[in-house]
Amino acid sequence: MLASGADKTIVNGKWQVHSTVAGQESDAICTFTQKETDLSGTCTTDQGTVNLIGAVDGKKISWSYKSQYEGTPLTVKFEGTLDSENKITGTVSVPEFSVDGDFTAAPAK
């Protein structure tokens, strides 16, 4: 699932992502596929499954996906840090609504 060396971090696999944005909590299962520093995959939320794109830079991990809320298109952006081999923490933002919050991610069981 995760390999961490002096020069690279690999986060392939399924991660359970819990986020709180503007007081609203949500959960997703994101499946990451990492090739070098590029991150791709999918996130499954209560709205369905969406494709994600992102990047890994050392211990910094970022990804985003397009979704919608009550018919309004939006982008959900995650920026985090790999705190340990089984925890990513950081911030999440939705620019279209000018809201942000926090997230934690752990390998899905």
PDB file of N, CA and C in Angstrom:
ATOM      1  N   MET A   1       0.826  -1.186   0.000  1.00  0.00           N
ATOM      2  CA  MET A   1       0.000   0.000   0.000  1.00  0.00           C
ATOM      3  C   MET A   1       0.870   1.249   0.000  1.00  0.00           C
ATOM      4  N   LEU A   2       1.835   1.304   0.903  1.00  0.00           N
ATOM      5  CA  LEU A   2       2.644   2.506   1.025  1.00  0.00           C
ATOM      6  C   LEU A   2       4.093   2.125   1.185  1.00  0.00           C
ATOM      7  N   ALA A   3       4.933   2.822   0.451  1.00  0.00           N
ATOM      8  CA  ALA A   3       6.375   2.660   0.629  1.00  0.00           C
ATOM      9  C   ALA A   3       6.947   4.054   0.778  1.00  0.00           C
ATOM     10  N   SER A   4       7.814   4.220   1.729  1.00  0.00           N
ATOM     11  CA  SER A   4       8.412   5.532   1.947  1.00  0.00           C
ATOM     12  C   SER A   4       9.910   5.364   2.027  1.00  0.00           C
ATOM     13  N   GLY A   5      10.587   6.058   1.149  1.00  0.00           N
ATOM     14  CA  GLY A   5      12.036   6.011   1.147  1.00  0.00           C
ATOM     15  C   GLY A   5      12.578   7.403   1.347  1.00  0.00           C
ATOM     16  N   ALA A   6      13.881   7.533   1.247  1.00  0.00           N
ATOM     17  CA  ALA A   6      14.499   8.834   1.448  1.00  0.00           C
ATOM     18  C   ALA A   6      14.070   9.818   0.369  1.00  0.00           C
ATOM     19  N   ASP A   7      13.762   9.299  -0.823  1.00  0.00           N
ATOM     20  CA  ASP A   7      13.469  10.215  -1.912  1.00  0.00           C
ATOM     21  C   ASP A   7      12.077  10.091  -2.503  1.00  0.00           C
ATOM     22  N   LYS A   8      11.280   9.102  -2.068  1.00  0.00           N
ATOM     23  CA  LYS A   8       9.946   9.032  -2.645  1.00  0.00           C
ATOM     24  C   LYS A   8       8.938   8.388  -1.706  1.00  0.00           C
ATOM     25  N   THR A   9       7.711   8.813  -1.902  1.00  0.00           N
ATOM     26  CA  THR A   9       6.589   8.293  -1.152  1.00  0.00           C
ATOM     27  C   THR A   9       5.625   7.688  -2.166  1.00  0.00           C
ATOM     28  N   ILE A  10       5.082   6.528  -1.866  1.00  0.00           N
ATOM     29  CA  ILE A  10       4.121   5.901  -2.761  1.00  0.00           C
ATOM     30  C   ILE A  10       2.852   5.623  -1.967  1.00  0.00           C
ATOM     31  N   VAL A  11       1.716   6.084  -2.500  1.00  0.00           N
ATOM     32  CA  VAL A  11       0.449   5.968  -1.782  1.00  0.00           C
ATOM     33  C   VAL A  11      -0.582   5.150  -2.562  1.00  0.00           C
ATOM     34  N   ASN A  12      -0.145   4.195  -3.368  1.00  0.00           N
ATOM     35  CA  ASN A  12      -1.068   3.365  -4.136  1.00  0.00           C
ATOM     36  C   ASN A  12      -2.054   2.650  -3.221  1.00  0.00           C
ATOM     37  N   GLY A  13      -3.277   2.466  -3.693  1.00  0.00           N
ATOM     38  CA  GLY A  13      -4.260   1.692  -2.956  1.00  0.00           C
ATOM     39  C   GLY A  13      -5.470   2.512  -2.557  1.00  0.00           C
ATOM     40  N   LYS A  14      -6.315   1.879  -1.726  1.00  0.00           N
ATOM     41  CA  LYS A  14      -7.562   2.511  -1.276  1.00  0.00           C
ATOM     42  C   LYS A  14      -7.364   3.204   0.059  1.00  0.00           C
ATOM     43  N   TRP A  15      -7.886   4.421   0.146  1.00  0.00           N
ATOM     44  CA  TRP A  15      -7.799   5.220   1.361  1.00  0.00           C
ATOM     45  C   TRP A  15      -9.199   5.694   1.747  1.00  0.00           C
ATOM     46  N   GLN A  16      -9.490   5.641   3.036  1.00  0.00           N
ATOM     47  CA  GLN A  16     -10.739   6.172   3.597  1.00  0.00           C
ATOM     48  C   GLN A  16     -10.468   7.636   3.939  1.00  0.00           C
ATOM     49  N   VAL A  17     -11.210   8.542   3.320  1.00  0.00           N
ATOM     50  CA  VAL A  17     -11.005   9.981   3.518  1.00  0.00           C
ATOM     51  C   VAL A  17     -12.207  10.557   4.252  1.00  0.00           C
ATOM     52  N   HIS A  18     -11.959  11.164   5.408  1.00  0.00           N
ATOM     53  CA  HIS A  18     -13.014  11.823   6.186  1.00  0.00           C
ATOM     54  C   HIS A  18     -12.720  13.324   6.175  1.00  0.00           C
ATOM     55  N   SER A  19     -13.698  14.099   5.723  1.00  0.00           N
ATOM     56  CA  SER A  19     -13.482  15.546   5.659  1.00  0.00           C
ATOM     57  C   SER A  19     -14.627  16.289   6.326  1.00  0.00           C
ATOM     58  N   THR A  20     -14.301  17.488   6.793  1.00  0.00           N
ATOM     59  CA  THR A  20     -15.284  18.398   7.360  1.00  0.00           C
ATOM     60  C   THR A  20     -15.103  19.740   6.659  1.00  0.00           C
ATOM     61  N   VAL A  21     -16.129  20.156   5.930  1.00  0.00           N
ATOM     62  CA  VAL A  21     -16.087  21.414   5.180  1.00  0.00           C
ATOM     63  C   VAL A  21     -17.319  22.224   5.564  1.00  0.00           C
ATOM     64  N   ALA A  22     -17.092  23.440   6.033  1.00  0.00           N
ATOM     65  CA  ALA A  22     -18.185  24.334   6.437  1.00  0.00           C
ATOM     66  C   ALA A  22     -19.161  23.635   7.374  1.00  0.00           C
ATOM     67  N   GLY A  23     -18.618  22.837   8.307  1.00  0.00           N
ATOM     68  CA  GLY A  23     -19.436  22.161   9.287  1.00  0.00           C
ATOM     69  C   GLY A  23     -20.096  20.875   8.805  1.00  0.00           C
ATOM     70  N   GLN A  24     -19.927  20.535   7.540  1.00  0.00           N
ATOM     71  CA  GLN A  24     -20.521  19.328   6.973  1.00  0.00           C
ATOM     72  C   GLN A  24     -19.476  18.224   6.877  1.00  0.00           C
ATOM     73  N   GLU A  25     -19.758  17.076   7.479  1.00  0.00           N
ATOM     74  CA  GLU A  25     -18.834  15.952   7.424  1.00  0.00           C
ATOM     75  C   GLU A  25     -19.181  15.057   6.250  1.00  0.00           C
ATOM     76  N   SER A  26     -18.146  14.467   5.644  1.00  0.00           N
ATOM     77  CA  SER A  26     -18.378  13.520   4.562  1.00  0.00           C
ATOM     78  C   SER A  26     -17.251  12.499   4.531  1.00  0.00           C
ATOM     79  N   ASP A  27     -17.571  11.355   3.944  1.00  0.00           N
ATOM     80  CA  ASP A  27     -16.601  10.281   3.813  1.00  0.00           C
ATOM     81  C   ASP A  27     -16.517   9.850   2.359  1.00  0.00           C
ATOM     82  N   ALA A  28     -15.329   9.436   1.951  1.00  0.00           N
ATOM     83  CA  ALA A  28     -15.112   8.931   0.598  1.00  0.00           C
ATOM     84  C   ALA A  28     -14.082   7.818   0.662  1.00  0.00           C
ATOM     85  N   ILE A  29     -14.142   6.934  -0.310  1.00  0.00           N
ATOM     86  CA  ILE A  29     -13.087   5.949  -0.513  1.00  0.00           C
ATOM     87  C   ILE A  29     -12.379   6.366  -1.788  1.00  0.00           C
ATOM     88  N   CYS A  30     -11.109   6.728  -1.660  1.00  0.00           N
ATOM     89  CA  CYS A  30     -10.316   7.134  -2.815  1.00  0.00           C
ATOM     90  C   CYS A  30      -9.297   6.045  -3.129  1.00  0.00           C
ATOM     91  N   THR A  31      -9.237   5.667  -4.387  1.00  0.00           N
ATOM     92  CA  THR A  31      -8.272   4.682  -4.853  1.00  0.00           C
ATOM     93  C   THR A  31      -7.203   5.434  -5.634  1.00  0.00           C
ATOM     94  N   PHE A  32      -5.990   5.445  -5.092  1.00  0.00           N
ATOM     95  CA  PHE A  32      -4.884   6.177  -5.699  1.00  0.00           C
ATOM     96  C   PHE A  32      -4.005   5.250  -6.541  1.00  0.00           C
ATOM     97  N   THR A  33      -3.614   5.733  -7.709  1.00  0.00           N
ATOM     98  CA  THR A  33      -2.612   5.080  -8.541  1.00  0.00           C
ATOM     99  C   THR A  33      -1.521   6.111  -8.771  1.00  0.00           C
ATOM    100  N   GLN A  34      -0.330   5.827  -8.267  1.00  0.00           N
ATOM    101  CA  GLN A  34       0.774   6.771  -8.380  1.00  0.00           C
ATOM    102  C   GLN A  34       1.798   6.264  -9.381  1.00  0.00           C
ATOM    103  N   LYS A  35       2.191   7.152 -10.307  1.00  0.00           N
ATOM    104  CA  LYS A  35       3.267   6.879 -11.245  1.00  0.00           C
ATOM    105  C   LYS A  35       4.232   8.050 -11.126  1.00  0.00           C
ATOM    106  N   GLU A  36       5.421   7.767 -10.584  1.00  0.00           N
ATOM    107  CA  GLU A  36       6.393   8.833 -10.283  1.00  0.00           C
ATOM    108  C   GLU A  36       5.726   9.828  -9.336  1.00  0.00           C
ATOM    109  N   THR A  37       5.570  11.095  -9.778  1.00  0.00           N
ATOM    110  CA  THR A  37       4.948  12.107  -8.918  1.00  0.00           C
ATOM    111  C   THR A  37       3.491  12.368  -9.281  1.00  0.00           C
ATOM    112  N   ASP A  38       2.980  11.705 -10.332  1.00  0.00           N
ATOM    113  CA  ASP A  38       1.592  11.899 -10.762  1.00  0.00           C
ATOM    114  C   ASP A  38       0.663  10.962 -10.001  1.00  0.00           C
ATOM    115  N   LEU A  39      -0.488  11.506  -9.615  1.00  0.00           N
ATOM    116  CA  LEU A  39      -1.487  10.738  -8.895  1.00  0.00           C
ATOM    117  C   LEU A  39      -2.771  10.739  -9.725  1.00  0.00           C
ATOM    118  N   SER A  40      -3.391   9.574  -9.863  1.00  0.00           N
ATOM    119  CA  SER A  40      -4.673   9.471 -10.545  1.00  0.00           C
ATOM    120  C   SER A  40      -5.513   8.464  -9.777  1.00  0.00           C
ATOM    121  N   GLY A  41      -6.750   8.284 -10.207  1.00  0.00           N
ATOM    122  CA  GLY A  41      -7.606   7.313  -9.552  1.00  0.00           C
ATOM    123  C   GLY A  41      -9.038   7.778  -9.480  1.00  0.00           C
ATOM    124  N   THR A  42      -9.760   7.272  -8.473  1.00  0.00           N
ATOM    125  CA  THR A  42     -11.169   7.610  -8.296  1.00  0.00           C
ATOM    126  C   THR A  42     -11.480   7.828  -6.824  1.00  0.00           C
ATOM    127  N   CYS A  43     -12.519   8.598  -6.573  1.00  0.00           N
ATOM    128  CA  CYS A  43     -13.071   8.740  -5.229  1.00  0.00           C
ATOM    129  C   CYS A  43     -14.560   8.414  -5.321  1.00  0.00           C
ATOM    130  N   THR A  44     -15.018   7.580  -4.415  1.00  0.00           N
ATOM    131  CA  THR A  44     -16.432   7.239  -4.356  1.00  0.00           C
ATOM    132  C   THR A  44     -17.031   7.932  -3.138  1.00  0.00           C
ATOM    133  N   THR A  45     -18.020   8.790  -3.404  1.00  0.00           N
ATOM    134  CA  THR A  45     -18.706   9.551  -2.350  1.00  0.00           C
ATOM    135  C   THR A  45     -20.189   9.203  -2.406  1.00  0.00           C
ATOM    136  N   ASP A  46     -20.979   9.856  -1.563  1.00  0.00           N
ATOM    137  CA  ASP A  46     -22.417   9.633  -1.613  1.00  0.00           C
ATOM    138  C   ASP A  46     -23.029  10.198  -2.893  1.00  0.00           C
ATOM    139  N   GLN A  47     -22.242  10.984  -3.642  1.00  0.00           N
ATOM    140  CA  GLN A  47     -22.689  11.546  -4.916  1.00  0.00           C
ATOM    141  C   GLN A  47     -22.343  10.642  -6.103  1.00  0.00           C
ATOM    142  N   GLY A  48     -21.571   9.569  -5.843  1.00  0.00           N
ATOM    143  CA  GLY A  48     -21.150   8.683  -6.921  1.00  0.00           C
ATOM    144  C   GLY A  48     -19.638   8.583  -6.978  1.00  0.00           C
ATOM    145  N   THR A  49     -19.127   8.069  -8.084  1.00  0.00           N
ATOM    146  CA  THR A  49     -17.688   7.904  -8.265  1.00  0.00           C
ATOM    147  C   THR A  49     -17.175   8.942  -9.252  1.00  0.00           C
ATOM    148  N   VAL A  50     -16.072   9.595  -8.872  1.00  0.00           N
ATOM    149  CA  VAL A  50     -15.481  10.642  -9.701  1.00  0.00           C
ATOM    150  C   VAL A  50     -13.997  10.354  -9.906  1.00  0.00           C
ATOM    151  N   ASN A  51     -13.461  10.838 -11.016  1.00  0.00           N
ATOM    152  CA  ASN A  51     -12.036  10.690 -11.294  1.00  0.00           C
ATOM    153  C   ASN A  51     -11.252  11.785 -10.591  1.00  0.00           C
ATOM    154  N   LEU A  52     -10.070  11.420 -10.094  1.00  0.00           N
ATOM    155  CA  LEU A  52      -9.220  12.401  -9.432  1.00  0.00           C
ATOM    156  C   LEU A  52      -7.898  12.543 -10.177  1.00  0.00           C
ATOM    157  N   ILE A  53      -7.293  13.696 -10.012  1.00  0.00           N
ATOM    158  CA  ILE A  53      -5.934  13.934 -10.489  1.00  0.00           C
ATOM    159  C   ILE A  53      -5.173  14.589  -9.357  1.00  0.00           C
ATOM    160  N   GLY A  54      -3.863  14.359  -9.301  1.00  0.00           N
ATOM    161  CA  GLY A  54      -3.092  14.950  -8.218  1.00  0.00           C
ATOM    162  C   GLY A  54      -1.610  14.760  -8.409  1.00  0.00           C
ATOM    163  N   ALA A  55      -0.882  15.003  -7.321  1.00  0.00           N
ATOM    164  CA  ALA A  55       0.572  14.927  -7.362  1.00  0.00           C
ATOM    165  C   ALA A  55       1.113  14.568  -5.986  1.00  0.00           C
ATOM    166  N   VAL A  56       2.297  13.967  -6.004  1.00  0.00           N
ATOM    167  CA  VAL A  56       3.016  13.649  -4.775  1.00  0.00           C
ATOM    168  C   VAL A  56       4.372  14.336  -4.876  1.00  0.00           C
ATOM    169  N   ASP A  57       4.706  15.127  -3.866  1.00  0.00           N
ATOM    170  CA  ASP A  57       5.980  15.849  -3.832  1.00  0.00           C
ATOM    171  C   ASP A  57       6.581  15.637  -2.453  1.00  0.00           C
ATOM    172  N   GLY A  58       7.463  14.637  -2.346  1.00  0.00           N
ATOM    173  CA  GLY A  58       7.998  14.284  -1.043  1.00  0.00           C
ATOM    174  C   GLY A  58       6.870  13.735  -0.196  1.00  0.00           C
ATOM    175  N   LYS A  59       6.647  14.314   0.968  1.00  0.00           N
ATOM    176  CA  LYS A  59       5.556  13.882   1.843  1.00  0.00           C
ATOM    177  C   LYS A  59       4.273  14.677   1.593  1.00  0.00           C
ATOM    178  N   LYS A  60       4.314  15.647   0.675  1.00  0.00           N
ATOM    179  CA  LYS A  60       3.140  16.447   0.357  1.00  0.00           C
ATOM    180  C   LYS A  60       2.329  15.750  -0.733  1.00  0.00           C
ATOM    181  N   ILE A  61       1.025  15.645  -0.491  1.00  0.00           N
ATOM    182  CA  ILE A  61       0.122  14.957  -1.408  1.00  0.00           C
ATOM    183  C   ILE A  61      -1.057  15.873  -1.691  1.00  0.00           C
ATOM    184  N   SER A  62      -1.396  16.034  -2.974  1.00  0.00           N
ATOM    185  CA  SER A  62      -2.552  16.860  -3.331  1.00  0.00           C
ATOM    186  C   SER A  62      -3.342  16.162  -4.427  1.00  0.00           C
ATOM    187  N   TRP A  63      -4.662  16.334  -4.368  1.00  0.00           N
ATOM    188  CA  TRP A  63      -5.515  15.819  -5.430  1.00  0.00           C
ATOM    189  C   TRP A  63      -6.806  16.613  -5.460  1.00  0.00           C
ATOM    190  N   SER A  64      -7.503  16.513  -6.582  1.00  0.00           N
ATOM    191  CA  SER A  64      -8.782  17.199  -6.717  1.00  0.00           C
ATOM    192  C   SER A  64      -9.693  16.384  -7.622  1.00  0.00           C
ATOM    193  N   TYR A  65     -10.988  16.670  -7.494  1.00  0.00           N
ATOM    194  CA  TYR A  65     -11.953  16.053  -8.391  1.00  0.00           C
ATOM    195  C   TYR A  65     -13.128  16.991  -8.586  1.00  0.00           C
ATOM    196  N   LYS A  66     -13.831  16.779  -9.694  1.00  0.00           N
ATOM    197  CA  LYS A  66     -15.021  17.555 -10.025  1.00  0.00           C
ATOM    198  C   LYS A  66     -16.240  16.800  -9.520  1.00  0.00           C
ATOM    199  N   SER A  67     -17.195  17.535  -8.960  1.00  0.00           N
ATOM    200  CA  SER A  67     -18.425  16.939  -8.465  1.00  0.00           C
ATOM    201  C   SER A  67     -19.532  17.970  -8.638  1.00  0.00           C
ATOM    202  N   GLN A  68     -20.621  17.783  -7.915  1.00  0.00           N
ATOM    203  CA  GLN A  68     -21.653  18.809  -7.890  1.00  0.00           C
ATOM    204  C   GLN A  68     -22.418  18.745  -6.588  1.00  0.00           C
ATOM    205  N   TYR A  69     -22.987  19.879  -6.227  1.00  0.00           N
ATOM    206  CA  TYR A  69     -23.787  19.979  -5.012  1.00  0.00           C
ATOM    207  C   TYR A  69     -25.104  20.624  -5.395  1.00  0.00           C
ATOM    208  N   GLU A  70     -26.202  19.881  -5.223  1.00  0.00           N
ATOM    209  CA  GLU A  70     -27.534  20.367  -5.583  1.00  0.00           C
ATOM    210  C   GLU A  70     -27.556  20.940  -6.996  1.00  0.00           C
ATOM    211  N   GLY A  71     -26.873  20.243  -7.925  1.00  0.00           N
ATOM    212  CA  GLY A  71     -26.870  20.637  -9.333  1.00  0.00           C
ATOM    213  C   GLY A  71     -25.805  21.652  -9.724  1.00  0.00           C
ATOM    214  N   THR A  72     -25.065  22.192  -8.755  1.00  0.00           N
ATOM    215  CA  THR A  72     -24.027  23.174  -9.053  1.00  0.00           C
ATOM    216  C   THR A  72     -22.674  22.479  -9.181  1.00  0.00           C
ATOM    217  N   PRO A  73     -22.003  22.612 -10.339  1.00  0.00           N
ATOM    218  CA  PRO A  73     -20.681  21.992 -10.492  1.00  0.00           C
ATOM    219  C   PRO A  73     -19.676  22.603  -9.510  1.00  0.00           C
ATOM    220  N   LEU A  74     -18.798  21.768  -9.004  1.00  0.00           N
ATOM    221  CA  LEU A  74     -17.774  22.260  -8.088  1.00  0.00           C
ATOM    222  C   LEU A  74     -16.517  21.407  -8.188  1.00  0.00           C
ATOM    223  N   THR A  75     -15.438  21.937  -7.642  1.00  0.00           N
ATOM    224  CA  THR A  75     -14.160  21.243  -7.573  1.00  0.00           C
ATOM    225  C   THR A  75     -13.795  21.078  -6.105  1.00  0.00           C
ATOM    226  N   VAL A  76     -13.416  19.873  -5.730  1.00  0.00           N
ATOM    227  CA  VAL A  76     -12.994  19.608  -4.360  1.00  0.00           C
ATOM    228  C   VAL A  76     -11.487  19.392  -4.402  1.00  0.00           C
ATOM    229  N   LYS A  77     -10.741  20.225  -3.651  1.00  0.00           N
ATOM    230  CA  LYS A  77      -9.271  20.180  -3.661  1.00  0.00           C
ATOM    231  C   LYS A  77      -8.733  19.775  -2.293  1.00  0.00           C
ATOM    232  N   PHE A  78      -7.843  18.789  -2.301  1.00  0.00           N
ATOM    233  CA  PHE A  78      -7.218  18.293  -1.078  1.00  0.00           C
ATOM    234  C   PHE A  78      -5.719  18.597  -1.124  1.00  0.00           C
ATOM    235  N   GLU A  79      -5.175  19.093  -0.041  1.00  0.00           N
ATOM    236  CA  GLU A  79      -3.734  19.304   0.097  1.00  0.00           C
ATOM    237  C   GLU A  79      -3.328  18.796   1.464  1.00  0.00           C
ATOM    238  N   GLY A  80      -2.455  17.785   1.475  1.00  0.00           N
ATOM    239  CA  GLY A  80      -2.099  17.185   2.750  1.00  0.00           C
ATOM    240  C   GLY A  80      -0.661  16.741   2.837  1.00  0.00           C
ATOM    241  N   THR A  81      -0.349  16.172   3.986  1.00  0.00           N
ATOM    242  CA  THR A  81       0.989  15.673   4.275  1.00  0.00           C
ATOM    243  C   THR A  81       0.865  14.252   4.801  1.00  0.00           C
ATOM    244  N   LEU A  82       1.728  13.393   4.320  1.00  0.00           N
ATOM    245  CA  LEU A  82       1.782  12.024   4.823  1.00  0.00           C
ATOM    246  C   LEU A  82       2.469  12.072   6.174  1.00  0.00           C
ATOM    247  N   ASP A  83       1.675  11.918   7.247  1.00  0.00           N
ATOM    248  CA  ASP A  83       2.197  12.011   8.605  1.00  0.00           C
ATOM    249  C   ASP A  83       2.884  10.722   9.045  1.00  0.00           C
ATOM    250  N   SER A  84       2.377   9.596   8.547  1.00  0.00           N
ATOM    251  CA  SER A  84       2.958   8.289   8.835  1.00  0.00           C
ATOM    252  C   SER A  84       2.538   7.379   7.692  1.00  0.00           C
ATOM    253  N   GLU A  85       2.957   6.125   7.735  1.00  0.00           N
ATOM    254  CA  GLU A  85       2.606   5.261   6.613  1.00  0.00           C
ATOM    255  C   GLU A  85       1.117   4.945   6.534  1.00  0.00           C
ATOM    256  N   ASN A  86       0.355   5.337   7.560  1.00  0.00           N
ATOM    257  CA  ASN A  86      -1.078   5.076   7.506  1.00  0.00           C
ATOM    258  C   ASN A  86      -1.933   6.292   7.847  1.00  0.00           C
ATOM    259  N   LYS A  87      -1.415   7.512   7.594  1.00  0.00           N
ATOM    260  CA  LYS A  87      -2.214   8.704   7.879  1.00  0.00           C
ATOM    261  C   LYS A  87      -1.771   9.888   7.024  1.00  0.00           C
ATOM    262  N   ILE A  88      -2.770  10.483   6.367  1.00  0.00           N
ATOM    263  CA  ILE A  88      -2.572  11.732   5.629  1.00  0.00           C
ATOM    264  C   ILE A  88      -3.501  12.748   6.274  1.00  0.00           C
ATOM    265  N   THR A  89      -2.999  13.922   6.579  1.00  0.00           N
ATOM    266  CA  THR A  89      -3.845  14.993   7.119  1.00  0.00           C
ATOM    267  C   THR A  89      -3.610  16.261   6.318  1.00  0.00           C
ATOM    268  N   GLY A  90      -4.643  17.109   6.262  1.00  0.00           N
ATOM    269  CA  GLY A  90      -4.474  18.356   5.535  1.00  0.00           C
ATOM    270  C   GLY A  90      -5.761  19.141   5.437  1.00  0.00           C
ATOM    271  N   THR A  91      -5.826  19.979   4.417  1.00  0.00           N
ATOM    272  CA  THR A  91      -6.972  20.857   4.215  1.00  0.00           C
ATOM    273  C   THR A  91      -7.699  20.480   2.930  1.00  0.00           C
ATOM    274  N   VAL A  92      -8.968  20.786   2.910  1.00  0.00           N
ATOM    275  CA  VAL A  92      -9.810  20.570   1.732  1.00  0.00           C
ATOM    276  C   VAL A  92     -10.537  21.876   1.455  1.00  0.00           C
ATOM    277  N   SER A  93     -10.678  22.207   0.176  1.00  0.00           N
ATOM    278  CA  SER A  93     -11.360  23.451  -0.178  1.00  0.00           C
ATOM    279  C   SER A  93     -12.291  23.238  -1.367  1.00  0.00           C
ATOM    280  N   VAL A  94     -13.321  24.071  -1.415  1.00  0.00           N
ATOM    281  CA  VAL A  94     -14.264  24.091  -2.530  1.00  0.00           C
ATOM    282  C   VAL A  94     -14.339  25.546  -2.993  1.00  0.00           C
ATOM    283  N   PRO A  95     -13.486  25.916  -3.980  1.00  0.00           N
ATOM    284  CA  PRO A  95     -13.387  27.316  -4.398  1.00  0.00           C
ATOM    285  C   PRO A  95     -14.710  27.940  -4.850  1.00  0.00           C
ATOM    286  N   GLU A  96     -15.556  27.163  -5.521  1.00  0.00           N
ATOM    287  CA  GLU A  96     -16.817  27.716  -6.035  1.00  0.00           C
ATOM    288  C   GLU A  96     -17.725  28.236  -4.931  1.00  0.00           C
ATOM    289  N   PHE A  97     -17.602  27.677  -3.732  1.00  0.00           N
ATOM    290  CA  PHE A  97     -18.419  28.113  -2.603  1.00  0.00           C
ATOM    291  C   PHE A  97     -17.610  28.880  -1.558  1.00  0.00           C
ATOM    292  N   SER A  98     -16.316  29.093  -1.826  1.00  0.00           N
ATOM    293  CA  SER A  98     -15.424  29.803  -0.902  1.00  0.00           C
ATOM    294  C   SER A  98     -15.463  29.192   0.497  1.00  0.00           C
ATOM    295  N   VAL A  99     -15.424  27.858   0.570  1.00  0.00           N
ATOM    296  CA  VAL A  99     -15.414  27.168   1.854  1.00  0.00           C
ATOM    297  C   VAL A  99     -14.213  26.228   1.906  1.00  0.00           C
ATOM    298  N   ASP A 100     -13.774  25.968   3.125  1.00  0.00           N
ATOM    299  CA  ASP A 100     -12.683  25.022   3.291  1.00  0.00           C
ATOM    300  C   ASP A 100     -12.839  24.307   4.624  1.00  0.00           C
ATOM    301  N   GLY A 101     -11.952  23.354   4.845  1.00  0.00           N
ATOM    302  CA  GLY A 101     -12.015  22.581   6.070  1.00  0.00           C
ATOM    303  C   GLY A 101     -10.809  21.678   6.163  1.00  0.00           C
ATOM    304  N   ASP A 102     -10.959  20.591   6.912  1.00  0.00           N
ATOM    305  CA  ASP A 102      -9.852  19.672   7.169  1.00  0.00           C
ATOM    306  C   ASP A 102     -10.226  18.263   6.737  1.00  0.00           C
ATOM    307  N   PHE A 103      -9.197  17.443   6.501  1.00  0.00           N
ATOM    308  CA  PHE A 103      -9.444  16.043   6.207  1.00  0.00           C
ATOM    309  C   PHE A 103      -8.368  15.174   6.836  1.00  0.00           C
ATOM    310  N   THR A 104      -8.730  13.912   7.040  1.00  0.00           N
ATOM    311  CA  THR A 104      -7.776  12.877   7.420  1.00  0.00           C
ATOM    312  C   THR A 104      -8.038  11.689   6.510  1.00  0.00           C
ATOM    313  N   ALA A 105      -6.981  10.952   6.202  1.00  0.00           N
ATOM    314  CA  ALA A 105      -7.114   9.764   5.369  1.00  0.00           C
ATOM    315  C   ALA A 105      -6.282   8.645   5.970  1.00  0.00           C
ATOM    316  N   ALA A 106      -6.810   7.440   5.884  1.00  0.00           N
ATOM    317  CA  ALA A 106      -6.119   6.247   6.370  1.00  0.00           C
ATOM    318  C   ALA A 106      -6.397   5.131   5.374  1.00  0.00           C
ATOM    319  N   PRO A 107      -5.514   4.137   5.286  1.00  0.00           N
ATOM    320  CA  PRO A 107      -5.775   3.026   4.373  1.00  0.00           C
ATOM    321  C   PRO A 107      -7.135   2.396   4.674  1.00  0.00           C
ATOM    322  N   ALA A 108      -7.902   2.144   3.621  1.00  0.00           N
ATOM    323  CA  ALA A 108      -9.237   1.543   3.781  1.00  0.00           C
ATOM    324  C   ALA A 108      -9.094   0.065   4.132  1.00  0.00           C
ATOM    325  N   LYS A 109      -9.998  -0.420   4.966  1.00  0.00           N
ATOM    326  CA  LYS A 109      -9.956  -1.819   5.379  1.00  0.00           C
ATOM    327  C   LYS A 109     -10.902  -2.646   4.565  1.00  0.00           C
TER     328      LYS A 109
END
